[in-house]
Structures are given as C-alpha cells and as structure tokens.
Amino acid sequence: MVRSFHILLFIFLLGNSALFAQTELAEALRVTDTIKENKINMLAPAKAAFYSAVLPGLGQVYNKKYWKVPLVYGALGTTIYFYLSNNKKYNSYRDAYKRRLEGFNDDDYAYLDNSRLIAAQKFYQKNRDLSLLLTGLFYVLNIVDANVDAHLMQFNVNDNLTFKPNLYRNEFTTKEDLGICITWKL
C-alpha cells in the first residue's frame, strides 16, 4: 500500500512538472500580434490642402511640420517684395515716359532718352510679371506640400519594414558581391 502510494505520488509529481513545462513551452511559443492598426483619416490631406489654400503655412501647421512655415513665408514674402519693387520701378519709368511725350522734361530720368525709358519699362515689366508668376507658383507649391505631407504621414515607416543592401564574399570566386536582404517582421 505504501509502495503504491509512492508510485502514485511519483506519477503525480512527474505529470505536474510535465504539465508546467508544457505551459511554459506554450507561453514561449505563443505568437503575439505586434501590428497595431492605425486609423487613417482619409480627409486629412484635403484638410491640409484647404488650410494651406486659406492661409499659406496653415496646412504645414496642421501636419505638425512647423519648420516649414518660415520657408513658406520666406518664399512668398520674397517674391511679393520683388513684385512690388519691380511694379514701382515700372510705373516710375512709364510715368516719366508719358510726361516726356506730353513735353515735360523735369522728372528724375532727364538724363535718359526715350528709347532707354522704353527699355527700362520692358525690363521692369518682365521682372514684375516673373515675380507674380513665382508668387503663384510658391503659393501652389505650399498647397501641394501640405497635401503630400498629409498623405505621407499615413504610411507605415517603422523598423519592421527594412531594406538593407549588404556586401558579402562569394565562396567560389572570393570576390565581394552585393546582396539584398528584405526583412518583414510580423
């Protein structure tokens, strides 16, 4: 009787340890899902573009790219400054030419003849128009940048997706070869 009790106790202890070992093994082999699903706001790019269209730089603030706001205002401010400066010079030369045609010669450009006044008008008019074109271009670029930034914020760019070129030695030719390793961790 005592002997059968010892045998039962031995089987019980052996079975429990095997049971605990299986539980630990199951815990070690359990696959956990590490991919977290991020909610994508489909209207975020449209919102960012709208905000940038209403007030340049506001789309960049919406995207939390604050460092781009001074670039937007620097580009727009510079082109607007040159537009206003060239427009002022153009109007000055045009008014001097008009007064010259009326017979007055008492303006600031008395040292210039009529052909030089016409050439200066064309020069400043061309630069004024170019400045206006660049202002429009930078305004549209501001909107496109906000839209593209909002789109790119929705892409998965974590360390689980990697692309690493690697040099390895070929065993047969003993030369360096270029290999590509693409790793995708789930």
C-alpha atoms as a PDB file:
ATOM      1  CA  MET A   1       0.000   0.000   0.000  1.00  0.00           C
ATOM      2  CA  VAL A   2       2.788   2.382   0.874  1.00  0.00           C
ATOM      3  CA  ARG A   3       4.589   1.378  -2.268  1.00  0.00           C
ATOM      4  CA  SER A   4       1.548   2.123  -4.465  1.00  0.00           C
ATOM      5  CA  PHE A   5       1.184   5.465  -2.676  1.00  0.00           C
ATOM      6  CA  HIS A   6       4.792   6.330  -3.590  1.00  0.00           C
ATOM      7  CA  ILE A   7       4.205   5.299  -7.192  1.00  0.00           C
ATOM      8  CA  LEU A   8       1.064   7.455  -7.394  1.00  0.00           C
ATOM      9  CA  LEU A   9       2.876  10.371  -5.796  1.00  0.00           C
ATOM     10  CA  PHE A  10       5.761   9.949  -8.255  1.00  0.00           C
ATOM     11  CA  ILE A  11       3.390   9.883 -11.249  1.00  0.00           C
ATOM     12  CA  PHE A  12       1.506  12.893  -9.896  1.00  0.00           C
ATOM     13  CA  LEU A  13       4.671  14.945  -9.426  1.00  0.00           C
ATOM     14  CA  LEU A  14       6.041  13.866 -12.806  1.00  0.00           C
ATOM     15  CA  GLY A  15       2.760  14.698 -14.502  1.00  0.00           C
ATOM     16  CA  ASN A  16       2.537  18.131 -12.867  1.00  0.00           C
ATOM     17  CA  SER A  17       6.094  19.064 -13.801  1.00  0.00           C
ATOM     18  CA  ALA A  18       5.436  17.957 -17.362  1.00  0.00           C
ATOM     19  CA  LEU A  19       2.234  19.989 -17.274  1.00  0.00           C
ATOM     20  CA  PHE A  20       4.119  23.061 -16.046  1.00  0.00           C
ATOM     21  CA  ALA A  21       6.788  22.530 -18.674  1.00  0.00           C
ATOM     22  CA  GLN A  22       4.154  22.347 -21.391  1.00  0.00           C
ATOM     23  CA  THR A  23       2.555  25.533 -20.117  1.00  0.00           C
ATOM     24  CA  GLU A  24       5.902  27.339 -20.172  1.00  0.00           C
ATOM     25  CA  LEU A  25       6.619  25.943 -23.629  1.00  0.00           C
ATOM     26  CA  ALA A  26       3.212  27.082 -24.845  1.00  0.00           C
ATOM     27  CA  GLU A  27       3.864  30.567 -23.412  1.00  0.00           C
ATOM     28  CA  ALA A  28       7.238  30.698 -25.154  1.00  0.00           C
ATOM     29  CA  LEU A  29       5.792  29.594 -28.478  1.00  0.00           C
ATOM     30  CA  ARG A  30       2.743  31.840 -28.379  1.00  0.00           C
ATOM     31  CA  VAL A  31       2.694  34.183 -31.349  1.00  0.00           C
ATOM     32  CA  THR A  32       1.557  37.641 -30.453  1.00  0.00           C
ATOM     33  CA  ASP A  33       0.225  40.115 -32.934  1.00  0.00           C
ATOM     34  CA  THR A  34       2.531  43.146 -32.822  1.00  0.00           C
ATOM     35  CA  ILE A  35       0.934  45.004 -35.674  1.00  0.00           C
ATOM     36  CA  LYS A  36      -1.153  47.847 -34.367  1.00  0.00           C
ATOM     37  CA  GLU A  37      -3.746  49.130 -36.722  1.00  0.00           C
ATOM     38  CA  ASN A  38      -3.575  52.897 -37.055  1.00  0.00           C
ATOM     39  CA  LYS A  39      -6.727  54.648 -38.048  1.00  0.00           C
ATOM     40  CA  ILE A  40      -6.273  56.563 -41.270  1.00  0.00           C
ATOM     41  CA  ASN A  41      -8.074  59.836 -41.692  1.00  0.00           C
ATOM     42  CA  MET A  42      -8.877  59.921 -45.385  1.00  0.00           C
ATOM     43  CA  LEU A  43      -9.774  63.616 -45.273  1.00  0.00           C
ATOM     44  CA  ALA A  44      -6.500  64.734 -43.658  1.00  0.00           C
ATOM     45  CA  PRO A  45      -4.775  65.533 -46.990  1.00  0.00           C
ATOM     46  CA  ALA A  46      -7.782  67.506 -48.210  1.00  0.00           C
ATOM     47  CA  LYS A  47      -7.959  69.397 -44.913  1.00  0.00           C
ATOM     48  CA  ALA A  48      -4.267  70.237 -45.029  1.00  0.00           C
ATOM     49  CA  ALA A  49      -4.558  71.471 -48.615  1.00  0.00           C
ATOM     50  CA  PHE A  50      -7.626  73.541 -47.757  1.00  0.00           C
ATOM     51  CA  TYR A  51      -5.912  75.098 -44.758  1.00  0.00           C
ATOM     52  CA  SER A  52      -2.870  75.989 -46.859  1.00  0.00           C
ATOM     53  CA  ALA A  53      -5.090  77.497 -49.537  1.00  0.00           C
ATOM     54  CA  VAL A  54      -6.893  79.688 -46.998  1.00  0.00           C
ATOM     55  CA  LEU A  55      -3.757  80.805 -45.153  1.00  0.00           C
ATOM     56  CA  PRO A  56      -0.343  79.790 -46.505  1.00  0.00           C
ATOM     57  CA  GLY A  57       1.535  77.743 -43.929  1.00  0.00           C
ATOM     58  CA  LEU A  58      -1.563  76.649 -42.016  1.00  0.00           C
ATOM     59  CA  GLY A  59      -1.523  73.245 -43.718  1.00  0.00           C
ATOM     60  CA  GLN A  60       2.063  72.738 -42.566  1.00  0.00           C
ATOM     61  CA  VAL A  61       0.993  73.610 -39.015  1.00  0.00           C
ATOM     62  CA  TYR A  62      -1.901  71.130 -39.346  1.00  0.00           C
ATOM     63  CA  ASN A  63       0.645  68.457 -40.353  1.00  0.00           C
ATOM     64  CA  LYS A  64       2.877  69.464 -37.418  1.00  0.00           C
ATOM     65  CA  LYS A  65       5.734  70.440 -39.749  1.00  0.00           C
ATOM     66  CA  TYR A  66       6.310  73.778 -38.053  1.00  0.00           C
ATOM     67  CA  TRP A  67       9.793  74.241 -39.501  1.00  0.00           C
ATOM     68  CA  LYS A  68       8.301  74.652 -42.998  1.00  0.00           C
ATOM     69  CA  VAL A  69       6.223  77.726 -42.114  1.00  0.00           C
ATOM     70  CA  PRO A  70       9.181  80.165 -42.274  1.00  0.00           C
ATOM     71  CA  LEU A  71      10.152  78.662 -45.641  1.00  0.00           C
ATOM     72  CA  VAL A  72       6.646  79.244 -46.994  1.00  0.00           C
ATOM     73  CA  TYR A  73       6.522  82.836 -45.784  1.00  0.00           C
ATOM     74  CA  GLY A  74      10.104  83.474 -46.867  1.00  0.00           C
ATOM     75  CA  ALA A  75       9.375  82.302 -50.413  1.00  0.00           C
ATOM     76  CA  LEU A  76       6.076  84.168 -50.680  1.00  0.00           C
ATOM     77  CA  GLY A  77       7.415  87.288 -48.966  1.00  0.00           C
ATOM     78  CA  THR A  78      10.482  87.471 -51.190  1.00  0.00           C
ATOM     79  CA  THR A  79       8.527  87.117 -54.418  1.00  0.00           C
ATOM     80  CA  ILE A  80       5.892  89.640 -53.277  1.00  0.00           C
ATOM     81  CA  TYR A  81       8.647  92.078 -52.322  1.00  0.00           C
ATOM     82  CA  PHE A  82      10.232  91.797 -55.768  1.00  0.00           C
ATOM     83  CA  TYR A  83       6.814  92.111 -57.426  1.00  0.00           C
ATOM     84  CA  LEU A  84       6.094  95.360 -55.573  1.00  0.00           C
ATOM     85  CA  SER A  85       9.597  96.724 -56.172  1.00  0.00           C
ATOM     86  CA  ASN A  86       9.519  95.959 -59.905  1.00  0.00           C
ATOM     87  CA  ASN A  87       5.980  97.332 -60.211  1.00  0.00           C
ATOM     88  CA  LYS A  88       7.038 100.588 -58.537  1.00  0.00           C
ATOM     89  CA  LYS A  89      10.043 100.950 -60.868  1.00  0.00           C
ATOM     90  CA  TYR A  90       7.913 100.071 -63.915  1.00  0.00           C
ATOM     91  CA  ASN A  91       5.301 102.693 -63.013  1.00  0.00           C
ATOM     92  CA  SER A  92       8.034 105.267 -62.362  1.00  0.00           C
ATOM     93  CA  TYR A  93       9.621 104.763 -65.802  1.00  0.00           C
ATOM     94  CA  ARG A  94       6.206 104.609 -67.500  1.00  0.00           C
ATOM     95  CA  ASP A  95       5.091 107.879 -65.888  1.00  0.00           C
ATOM     96  CA  ALA A  96       8.374 109.535 -66.850  1.00  0.00           C
ATOM     97  CA  TYR A  97       7.911 108.368 -70.450  1.00  0.00           C
ATOM     98  CA  LYS A  98       4.299 109.635 -70.523  1.00  0.00           C
ATOM     99  CA  ARG A  99       5.389 113.015 -69.185  1.00  0.00           C
ATOM    100  CA  ARG A 100       8.152 113.109 -71.777  1.00  0.00           C
ATOM    101  CA  LEU A 101       5.567 112.517 -74.528  1.00  0.00           C
ATOM    102  CA  GLU A 102       3.495 115.408 -73.129  1.00  0.00           C
ATOM    103  CA  GLY A 103       6.500 117.661 -73.472  1.00  0.00           C
ATOM    104  CA  PHE A 104       7.764 117.832 -69.876  1.00  0.00           C
ATOM    105  CA  ASN A 105      11.397 117.081 -69.118  1.00  0.00           C
ATOM    106  CA  ASP A 106      11.543 117.770 -65.378  1.00  0.00           C
ATOM    107  CA  ASP A 107      11.445 114.197 -63.991  1.00  0.00           C
ATOM    108  CA  ASP A 108      14.145 112.149 -62.244  1.00  0.00           C
ATOM    109  CA  TYR A 109      15.128 110.499 -65.522  1.00  0.00           C
ATOM    110  CA  ALA A 110      16.013 113.581 -67.557  1.00  0.00           C
ATOM    111  CA  TYR A 111      19.413 112.046 -68.321  1.00  0.00           C
ATOM    112  CA  LEU A 112      17.739 109.160 -70.246  1.00  0.00           C
ATOM    113  CA  ASP A 113      16.419 109.347 -73.775  1.00  0.00           C
ATOM    114  CA  ASN A 114      13.065 107.868 -74.854  1.00  0.00           C
ATOM    115  CA  SER A 115      14.466 104.523 -76.043  1.00  0.00           C
ATOM    116  CA  ARG A 116      16.149 103.975 -72.662  1.00  0.00           C
ATOM    117  CA  LEU A 117      12.889 104.739 -70.852  1.00  0.00           C
ATOM    118  CA  ILE A 118      11.061 102.202 -73.039  1.00  0.00           C
ATOM    119  CA  ALA A 119      13.786  99.566 -72.431  1.00  0.00           C
ATOM    120  CA  ALA A 120      13.609 100.167 -68.658  1.00  0.00           C
ATOM    121  CA  GLN A 121       9.815  99.793 -68.761  1.00  0.00           C
ATOM    122  CA  LYS A 122      10.085  96.468 -70.597  1.00  0.00           C
ATOM    123  CA  PHE A 123      12.785  95.236 -68.213  1.00  0.00           C
ATOM    124  CA  TYR A 124      10.826  96.016 -65.050  1.00  0.00           C
ATOM    125  CA  GLN A 125       7.562  94.805 -66.565  1.00  0.00           C
ATOM    126  CA  LYS A 126       9.158  91.449 -67.416  1.00  0.00           C
ATOM    127  CA  ASN A 127      10.635  91.138 -63.912  1.00  0.00           C
ATOM    128  CA  ARG A 128       7.307  92.158 -62.336  1.00  0.00           C
ATOM    129  CA  ASP A 129       5.439  89.506 -64.315  1.00  0.00           C
ATOM    130  CA  LEU A 130       8.041  86.876 -63.463  1.00  0.00           C
ATOM    131  CA  SER A 131       7.769  87.760 -59.764  1.00  0.00           C
ATOM    132  CA  LEU A 132       3.993  87.419 -59.934  1.00  0.00           C
ATOM    133  CA  LEU A 133       4.353  84.029 -61.641  1.00  0.00           C
ATOM    134  CA  LEU A 134       6.802  82.846 -58.974  1.00  0.00           C
ATOM    135  CA  THR A 135       4.465  84.064 -56.219  1.00  0.00           C
ATOM    136  CA  GLY A 136       1.652  81.977 -57.692  1.00  0.00           C
ATOM    137  CA  LEU A 137       3.993  79.017 -58.105  1.00  0.00           C
ATOM    138  CA  PHE A 138       5.133  79.163 -54.466  1.00  0.00           C
ATOM    139  CA  TYR A 139       1.509  79.505 -53.334  1.00  0.00           C
ATOM    140  CA  VAL A 140       0.512  76.367 -55.255  1.00  0.00           C
ATOM    141  CA  LEU A 141       3.673  74.584 -54.050  1.00  0.00           C
ATOM    142  CA  ASN A 142       2.671  75.394 -50.478  1.00  0.00           C
ATOM    143  CA  ILE A 143      -0.717  73.718 -51.032  1.00  0.00           C
ATOM    144  CA  VAL A 144       0.809  70.674 -52.755  1.00  0.00           C
ATOM    145  CA  ASP A 145       3.421  70.294 -49.996  1.00  0.00           C
ATOM    146  CA  ALA A 146       0.756  70.275 -47.283  1.00  0.00           C
ATOM    147  CA  ASN A 147      -1.299  67.725 -49.214  1.00  0.00           C
ATOM    148  CA  VAL A 148       1.644  65.388 -49.911  1.00  0.00           C
ATOM    149  CA  ASP A 149       2.884  65.669 -46.327  1.00  0.00           C
ATOM    150  CA  ALA A 150      -0.535  64.664 -45.017  1.00  0.00           C
ATOM    151  CA  HIS A 151      -0.555  61.675 -47.379  1.00  0.00           C
ATOM    152  CA  LEU A 152       2.937  60.576 -46.335  1.00  0.00           C
ATOM    153  CA  MET A 153       2.084  60.786 -42.637  1.00  0.00           C
ATOM    154  CA  GLN A 154      -0.305  57.867 -43.145  1.00  0.00           C
ATOM    155  CA  PHE A 155       2.339  55.439 -44.439  1.00  0.00           C
ATOM    156  CA  ASN A 156       3.886  52.799 -42.201  1.00  0.00           C
ATOM    157  CA  VAL A 157       7.579  53.633 -41.881  1.00  0.00           C
ATOM    158  CA  ASN A 158       8.704  51.742 -38.788  1.00  0.00           C
ATOM    159  CA  ASP A 159      11.675  49.428 -38.201  1.00  0.00           C
ATOM    160  CA  ASN A 160       9.678  46.310 -39.047  1.00  0.00           C
ATOM    161  CA  LEU A 161       9.971  47.201 -42.733  1.00  0.00           C
ATOM    162  CA  THR A 162      13.623  47.399 -43.749  1.00  0.00           C
ATOM    163  CA  PHE A 163      15.677  47.321 -46.906  1.00  0.00           C
ATOM    164  CA  LYS A 164      19.395  46.785 -46.312  1.00  0.00           C
ATOM    165  CA  PRO A 165      21.878  46.287 -49.133  1.00  0.00           C
ATOM    166  CA  ASN A 166      24.768  44.127 -47.984  1.00  0.00           C
ATOM    167  CA  LEU A 167      28.197  43.154 -49.345  1.00  0.00           C
ATOM    168  CA  TYR A 168      29.172  39.532 -48.872  1.00  0.00           C
ATOM    169  CA  ARG A 169      32.080  37.414 -50.044  1.00  0.00           C
ATOM    170  CA  ASN A 170      31.337  34.830 -52.702  1.00  0.00           C
ATOM    171  CA  GLU A 171      32.746  31.478 -51.582  1.00  0.00           C
ATOM    172  CA  PHE A 172      33.622  30.295 -55.109  1.00  0.00           C
ATOM    173  CA  THR A 173      35.214  33.403 -56.624  1.00  0.00           C
ATOM    174  CA  THR A 174      36.320  35.094 -53.364  1.00  0.00           C
ATOM    175  CA  LYS A 175      35.034  38.411 -54.674  1.00  0.00           C
ATOM    176  CA  GLU A 176      32.696  40.849 -52.981  1.00  0.00           C
ATOM    177  CA  ASP A 177      29.121  40.575 -54.201  1.00  0.00           C
ATOM    178  CA  LEU A 178      26.182  42.813 -53.457  1.00  0.00           C
ATOM    179  CA  GLY A 179      23.257  41.138 -51.775  1.00  0.00           C
ATOM    180  CA  ILE A 180      19.893  42.487 -50.814  1.00  0.00           C
ATOM    181  CA  CYS A 181      18.085  41.493 -47.665  1.00  0.00           C
ATOM    182  CA  ILE A 182      14.442  42.427 -47.296  1.00  0.00           C
ATOM    183  CA  THR A 183      13.090  41.853 -43.806  1.00  0.00           C
ATOM    184  CA  TRP A 184       9.447  41.901 -42.904  1.00  0.00           C
ATOM    185  CA  LYS A 185       8.694  41.251 -39.252  1.00  0.00           C
ATOM    186  CA  LEU A 186       5.178  40.361 -38.273  1.00  0.00           C
END
